[in-house]
Amino acid sequence: MRIAILGSGGVASVLAWALREHEVTVIARRPFRRFRLIGSGIAGGSVSFPVSVRDWEDPTDAAWDSVWVAVKAPALPAVARWLDRNASVAPVLLWMNGMGQEHYLETARHGPLWPVVVTMAVSGLRHGPTTRAFHLHTLGVSYLPQAAYSALAPLYDALQHSLAWRWEWLDDEALRRRRWVKLVQNSIINPLTALAGIPNGRLPRHPLFAFAPPLAAEARAVAEREGVALSPNLVDEVAHLAQATAGNRSSMLQDVLGGRPTEIDAINGYIVYTGHQHGLQCPTHEALVQLFHRWPKTPPLP
């Protein structure tokens, strides 16, 4: 199968490794030749493998069987332009944090658009001149729409063989709830660990965790207006998740440390926007969005 992976970060590196038996092309901003992955889930603990890489602006004549989008939210404009040029009928899988990507991409040309809930933890290592390196901490479970099963079942078999990667296929309602649960978890852990400059495990004991209850309450109210019932124990569940991933640095903390734009708009900003659509105010989430917008290299999405 001919597969395009949009992005060259940690999730993209895992996808490229898992799909290596297929004809995979990575679409990236910077040229490189290899991915290197380390982690207990990798046979032998480490692997380095070559990849075919094309620039975002390079024309392609490939008839893609599927497109796997593994970028941060600030790259969505580039994704939309690439899809318009290259993927008029190919199904698109969104391996991304946050929500709202479907609305952003609805005018781009593509086939079915399938969001994926990703729970893997992967962090960047020191990159070489031609190699991008990452540490895979855990694969977690990925949740995909049942509508994608017929198209992806053969790939799923290969993924199970190479990485023992667990996928679950959910109906639209169950997947939507999974997305909201992860969104709320990210809306607390990501910005608070980024502000504190700490790994996940230290957050429940940090003074900034005092913001967790209002963040959870505001998000739960918005989710209810969207027809999604969330647990009344969200704060305890977030604390447990932070402790279960104690050594991990959140993706937002990694972005702040790397001087890159964050996904604050696709996470907390999505909750604020959706709340406004229902006449709800989310002042704690909005305060975090405004704060991150005033940090260097963290502009709002166009």
Protein backbone atom coordinates (compact mmCIF):
# COMPACT_ATOMS: atom_id res chain seq x y z
CA MET A 1 0.00 0.00 0.00
CA ARG A 2 1.13 3.56 -0.69
CA ILE A 3 0.93 5.57 2.51
CA ALA A 4 1.80 9.21 3.15
CA ILE A 5 2.72 10.19 6.71
CA LEU A 6 2.42 13.94 7.23
CA GLY A 7 4.86 14.99 9.93
CA SER A 8 8.26 13.95 11.22
CA GLY A 9 7.83 13.95 14.99
CA GLY A 10 7.60 11.15 17.51
CA VAL A 11 4.21 9.75 16.50
CA ALA A 12 5.22 9.89 12.83
CA SER A 13 8.40 7.94 13.59
CA VAL A 14 6.41 5.16 15.29
CA LEU A 15 3.94 5.02 12.40
CA ALA A 16 6.78 4.84 9.87
CA TRP A 17 8.40 1.96 11.76
CA ALA A 18 5.13 0.07 12.18
CA LEU A 19 4.23 0.48 8.48
CA ARG A 20 7.72 -0.19 7.13
CA GLU A 21 6.59 -3.20 5.05
CA HIS A 22 4.52 -0.82 2.92
CA GLU A 23 5.50 1.97 0.53
CA VAL A 24 5.69 4.82 3.02
CA THR A 25 6.62 8.43 2.26
CA VAL A 26 7.15 10.95 5.06
CA ILE A 27 6.20 14.56 4.34
CA ALA A 28 8.43 16.89 6.35
CA ARG A 29 9.75 20.44 6.51
CA ARG A 30 13.39 19.47 6.89
CA PRO A 31 15.24 16.84 4.85
CA PHE A 32 16.49 13.78 6.69
CA ARG A 33 17.13 10.14 5.81
CA ARG A 34 16.51 7.98 8.85
CA PHE A 35 14.45 7.62 11.99
CA ARG A 36 15.95 6.17 15.16
CA LEU A 37 13.70 4.81 17.90
CA ILE A 38 14.65 3.55 21.33
CA GLY A 39 12.37 2.04 23.95
CA SER A 40 11.38 -1.16 25.67
CA GLY A 41 8.70 -1.81 23.05
CA ILE A 42 11.32 -1.95 20.30
CA ALA A 43 12.97 -5.30 19.64
CA GLY A 44 16.53 -5.05 20.93
CA GLY A 45 15.69 -1.71 22.57
CA SER A 46 16.73 0.40 19.58
CA VAL A 47 16.23 0.55 15.84
CA SER A 48 17.43 2.84 13.05
CA PHE A 49 15.73 2.65 9.67
CA PRO A 50 15.72 4.60 6.39
CA VAL A 51 12.69 6.56 5.23
CA SER A 52 11.62 8.19 1.99
CA VAL A 53 11.11 11.90 2.70
CA ARG A 54 9.46 14.60 0.59
CA ASP A 55 9.07 18.30 1.34
CA TRP A 56 5.59 19.69 1.97
CA GLU A 57 5.81 21.71 -1.22
CA ASP A 58 7.12 18.92 -3.47
CA PRO A 59 4.59 17.82 -6.07
CA THR A 60 3.66 14.13 -5.88
CA ASP A 61 2.03 11.94 -8.48
CA ALA A 62 1.31 9.08 -6.07
CA ALA A 63 -2.15 7.54 -5.83
CA TRP A 64 -2.18 7.32 -2.06
CA ASP A 65 -4.08 4.49 -0.43
CA SER A 66 -4.24 6.46 2.81
CA VAL A 67 -2.81 9.57 4.46
CA TRP A 68 -1.78 9.52 8.13
CA VAL A 69 -1.55 12.99 9.68
CA ALA A 70 0.81 13.12 12.68
CA VAL A 71 1.51 16.82 13.16
CA LYS A 72 0.90 19.42 15.86
CA ALA A 73 -2.13 21.68 15.44
CA PRO A 74 -0.16 24.75 14.24
CA ALA A 75 0.75 22.75 11.10
CA LEU A 76 -2.89 22.33 10.01
CA PRO A 77 -2.68 25.05 7.33
CA ALA A 78 0.17 23.12 5.66
CA VAL A 79 -1.85 19.91 5.97
CA ALA A 80 -4.86 21.51 4.26
CA ARG A 81 -2.72 22.79 1.38
CA TRP A 82 -1.04 19.39 0.93
CA LEU A 83 -4.36 17.54 0.93
CA ASP A 84 -5.77 19.93 -1.68
CA ARG A 85 -2.86 19.15 -3.99
CA ASN A 86 -2.34 15.47 -3.35
CA ALA A 87 -5.15 13.54 -1.69
CA SER A 88 -8.45 14.15 -3.44
CA VAL A 89 -9.91 10.71 -2.62
CA ALA A 90 -7.55 9.11 -0.09
CA PRO A 91 -8.88 8.44 3.40
CA VAL A 92 -7.17 10.58 6.03
CA LEU A 93 -6.38 9.48 9.60
CA LEU A 94 -5.77 12.23 12.16
CA TRP A 95 -3.21 11.05 14.75
CA MET A 96 -3.37 14.37 16.61
CA ASN A 97 -4.01 15.92 20.00
CA GLY A 98 -6.94 18.20 20.61
CA MET A 99 -10.19 18.54 18.66
CA GLY A 100 -11.60 20.63 15.85
CA GLN A 101 -9.27 19.38 13.11
CA GLU A 102 -12.20 18.09 11.03
CA HIS A 103 -13.74 21.56 10.92
CA TYR A 104 -10.43 23.11 9.89
CA LEU A 105 -9.92 20.57 7.09
CA GLU A 106 -13.52 20.29 5.90
CA THR A 107 -12.90 22.44 2.81
CA ALA A 108 -9.73 20.57 1.80
CA ARG A 109 -9.95 17.82 -0.81
CA HIS A 110 -9.74 14.32 0.66
CA GLY A 111 -11.63 11.11 1.18
CA PRO A 112 -13.08 9.98 4.53
CA LEU A 113 -11.65 11.82 7.53
CA TRP A 114 -11.05 9.56 10.53
CA PRO A 115 -9.91 10.97 13.91
CA VAL A 116 -7.79 8.68 16.08
CA VAL A 117 -7.41 8.90 19.86
CA VAL A 118 -3.70 8.31 20.55
CA THR A 119 -2.38 7.50 24.02
CA MET A 120 1.26 6.73 23.21
CA ALA A 121 4.05 8.61 24.97
CA VAL A 122 7.06 9.52 22.87
CA SER A 123 9.68 12.22 23.32
CA GLY A 124 12.43 13.70 21.16
CA LEU A 125 16.12 12.91 21.53
CA ARG A 126 19.11 14.74 20.09
CA HIS A 127 18.74 14.65 16.31
CA GLY A 128 21.67 14.07 13.96
CA PRO A 129 22.26 15.87 10.65
CA THR A 130 20.33 13.21 8.71
CA THR A 131 18.59 11.28 11.50
CA ARG A 132 15.59 12.14 13.68
CA ALA A 133 15.65 10.27 17.01
CA PHE A 134 12.88 9.57 19.52
CA HIS A 135 12.23 7.65 22.72
CA LEU A 136 9.07 5.53 22.70
CA HIS A 137 7.99 5.33 26.35
CA THR A 138 4.73 3.47 25.76
CA LEU A 139 2.45 2.68 22.83
CA GLY A 140 -0.71 2.79 24.91
CA VAL A 141 -4.01 2.06 23.17
CA SER A 142 -5.22 3.76 20.01
CA TYR A 143 -8.96 4.20 19.44
CA LEU A 144 -10.24 4.30 15.86
CA PRO A 145 -13.67 4.63 14.24
CA GLN A 146 -15.42 1.42 13.25
CA ALA A 147 -15.99 2.97 9.81
CA ALA A 148 -12.25 2.67 9.16
CA TYR A 149 -12.00 -1.02 9.99
CA SER A 150 -12.47 -2.48 6.50
CA ALA A 151 -9.80 -0.17 5.05
CA LEU A 152 -7.29 -0.60 7.88
CA ALA A 153 -7.72 -4.21 9.03
CA PRO A 154 -4.78 -5.51 6.92
CA LEU A 155 -2.54 -2.75 8.31
CA TYR A 156 -3.72 -3.52 11.82
CA ASP A 157 -2.61 -7.15 11.42
CA ALA A 158 0.85 -5.93 10.42
CA LEU A 159 1.02 -3.54 13.36
CA GLN A 160 0.09 -6.29 15.76
CA HIS A 161 2.85 -8.46 14.34
CA SER A 162 5.57 -5.81 14.48
CA LEU A 163 4.75 -3.93 17.70
CA ALA A 164 1.91 -5.72 19.50
CA TRP A 165 0.14 -2.36 19.32
CA ARG A 166 -3.40 -2.48 20.70
CA TRP A 167 -6.15 -0.79 18.72
CA GLU A 168 -9.82 -0.60 19.62
CA TRP A 169 -12.57 0.08 17.09
CA LEU A 170 -15.37 2.29 18.46
CA ASP A 171 -18.70 3.52 17.19
CA ASP A 172 -19.09 7.26 16.68
CA GLU A 173 -20.58 7.95 20.12
CA ALA A 174 -17.93 5.97 22.02
CA LEU A 175 -15.10 7.51 20.00
CA ARG A 176 -16.46 11.00 20.59
CA ARG A 177 -16.49 10.36 24.34
CA ARG A 178 -12.91 9.03 24.21
CA ARG A 179 -11.83 12.18 22.41
CA TRP A 180 -13.44 14.38 25.07
CA VAL A 181 -11.87 12.40 27.91
CA LYS A 182 -8.43 12.80 26.38
CA LEU A 183 -9.09 16.46 25.58
CA VAL A 184 -9.92 17.22 29.22
CA GLN A 185 -6.90 15.26 30.46
CA ASN A 186 -4.65 17.18 28.09
CA SER A 187 -6.28 20.51 28.95
CA ILE A 188 -5.11 20.07 32.55
CA ILE A 189 -1.83 18.17 32.33
CA ASN A 190 -0.33 19.85 29.28
CA PRO A 191 -0.57 23.57 30.13
CA LEU A 192 0.04 23.15 33.86
CA THR A 193 3.18 21.02 33.42
CA ALA A 194 4.39 23.43 30.73
CA LEU A 195 3.91 26.42 33.03
CA ALA A 196 5.57 24.66 35.95
CA GLY A 197 8.35 23.13 33.82
CA ILE A 198 7.89 19.72 35.45
CA PRO A 199 7.26 16.11 34.36
CA ASN A 200 3.75 14.73 34.76
CA GLY A 201 4.33 12.92 38.04
CA ARG A 202 5.10 16.10 39.99
CA LEU A 203 1.93 17.90 38.91
CA PRO A 204 -0.57 16.57 41.53
CA ARG A 205 1.64 17.92 44.33
CA HIS A 206 2.38 21.25 42.61
CA PRO A 207 0.53 24.47 43.56
CA LEU A 208 -0.64 24.87 39.96
CA PHE A 209 -2.75 21.72 40.33
CA ALA A 210 -5.18 23.96 42.22
CA PHE A 211 -6.39 24.99 38.76
CA ALA A 212 -7.42 21.39 37.96
CA PRO A 213 -10.89 21.51 39.60
CA PRO A 214 -12.13 24.62 37.74
CA LEU A 215 -10.59 23.39 34.48
CA ALA A 216 -12.37 20.06 34.87
CA ALA A 217 -15.69 21.65 35.86
CA GLU A 218 -15.69 24.05 32.91
CA ALA A 219 -14.81 21.29 30.44
CA ARG A 220 -17.43 18.92 31.87
CA ALA A 221 -20.15 21.57 31.44
CA VAL A 222 -19.18 22.10 27.79
CA ALA A 223 -19.03 18.36 27.09
CA GLU A 224 -22.51 17.93 28.56
CA ARG A 225 -23.86 20.58 26.18
CA GLU A 226 -22.22 18.56 23.39
CA GLY A 227 -24.08 15.46 24.55
CA VAL A 228 -21.07 13.80 26.19
CA ALA A 229 -21.30 12.76 29.85
CA LEU A 230 -17.95 12.82 31.64
CA SER A 231 -17.00 11.34 34.98
CA PRO A 232 -17.61 13.45 38.11
CA ASN A 233 -14.17 12.27 39.30
CA LEU A 234 -12.16 13.92 36.52
CA VAL A 235 -9.64 15.58 38.82
CA ASP A 236 -8.81 12.31 40.60
CA GLU A 237 -8.54 10.53 37.24
CA VAL A 238 -6.17 13.20 35.92
CA ALA A 239 -4.03 12.93 39.06
CA HIS A 240 -3.88 9.16 38.60
CA LEU A 241 -2.92 9.54 34.94
CA ALA A 242 -0.18 12.03 35.82
CA GLN A 243 1.25 9.61 38.36
CA ALA A 244 0.97 6.67 35.95
CA THR A 245 3.03 8.65 33.42
CA ALA A 246 5.24 10.19 36.09
CA GLY A 247 8.46 10.37 34.09
CA ASN A 248 6.88 11.75 30.92
CA ARG A 249 7.19 15.33 29.77
CA SER A 250 3.91 16.49 28.26
CA SER A 251 3.95 17.42 24.59
CA MET A 252 3.24 21.04 25.50
CA LEU A 253 6.19 21.15 27.88
CA GLN A 254 8.39 19.69 25.14
CA ASP A 255 7.17 22.38 22.74
CA VAL A 256 7.83 25.18 25.25
CA LEU A 257 11.32 23.86 25.99
CA GLY A 258 11.98 23.54 22.26
CA GLY A 259 10.76 27.07 21.49
CA ARG A 260 7.97 25.74 19.27
CA PRO A 261 4.31 26.81 18.97
CA THR A 262 2.08 24.85 21.33
CA GLU A 263 -1.31 23.21 20.80
CA ILE A 264 -3.07 25.42 23.34
CA ASP A 265 -5.69 26.46 20.75
CA ALA A 266 -6.58 22.90 19.77
CA ILE A 267 -6.88 21.83 23.42
CA ASN A 268 -7.97 24.55 25.87
CA GLY A 269 -8.92 26.89 23.04
CA TYR A 270 -11.30 24.29 21.62
CA ILE A 271 -13.07 24.05 24.98
CA VAL A 272 -13.39 27.86 25.13
CA TYR A 273 -14.70 28.08 21.55
CA THR A 274 -17.19 25.26 21.98
CA GLY A 275 -18.36 26.71 25.28
CA HIS A 276 -19.05 30.04 23.60
CA GLN A 277 -21.16 28.23 20.98
CA HIS A 278 -23.40 27.10 23.83
CA GLY A 279 -23.35 30.40 25.70
CA LEU A 280 -20.96 29.09 28.36
CA GLN A 281 -17.96 30.92 29.74
CA CYS A 282 -14.76 28.99 30.50
CA PRO A 283 -12.65 31.63 32.26
CA THR A 284 -9.91 29.31 33.54
CA HIS A 285 -9.33 27.75 30.14
CA GLU A 286 -9.49 31.17 28.49
CA ALA A 287 -6.92 32.54 30.93
CA LEU A 288 -4.51 29.75 30.00
CA VAL A 289 -5.06 30.36 26.28
CA GLN A 290 -4.36 34.07 26.67
CA LEU A 291 -1.29 33.39 28.80
CA PHE A 292 0.21 30.99 26.25
CA HIS A 293 -0.51 33.39 23.40
CA ARG A 294 1.70 35.93 25.12
CA TRP A 295 4.64 33.56 25.29
CA PRO A 296 7.16 33.86 22.45
CA LYS A 297 6.63 31.49 19.53
CA THR A 298 3.15 30.56 20.64
CA PRO A 299 0.90 32.41 18.15
CA PRO A 300 -2.81 31.67 17.76
CA LEU A 301 -3.80 29.56 14.76
CA PRO A 302 -4.49 31.57 11.60
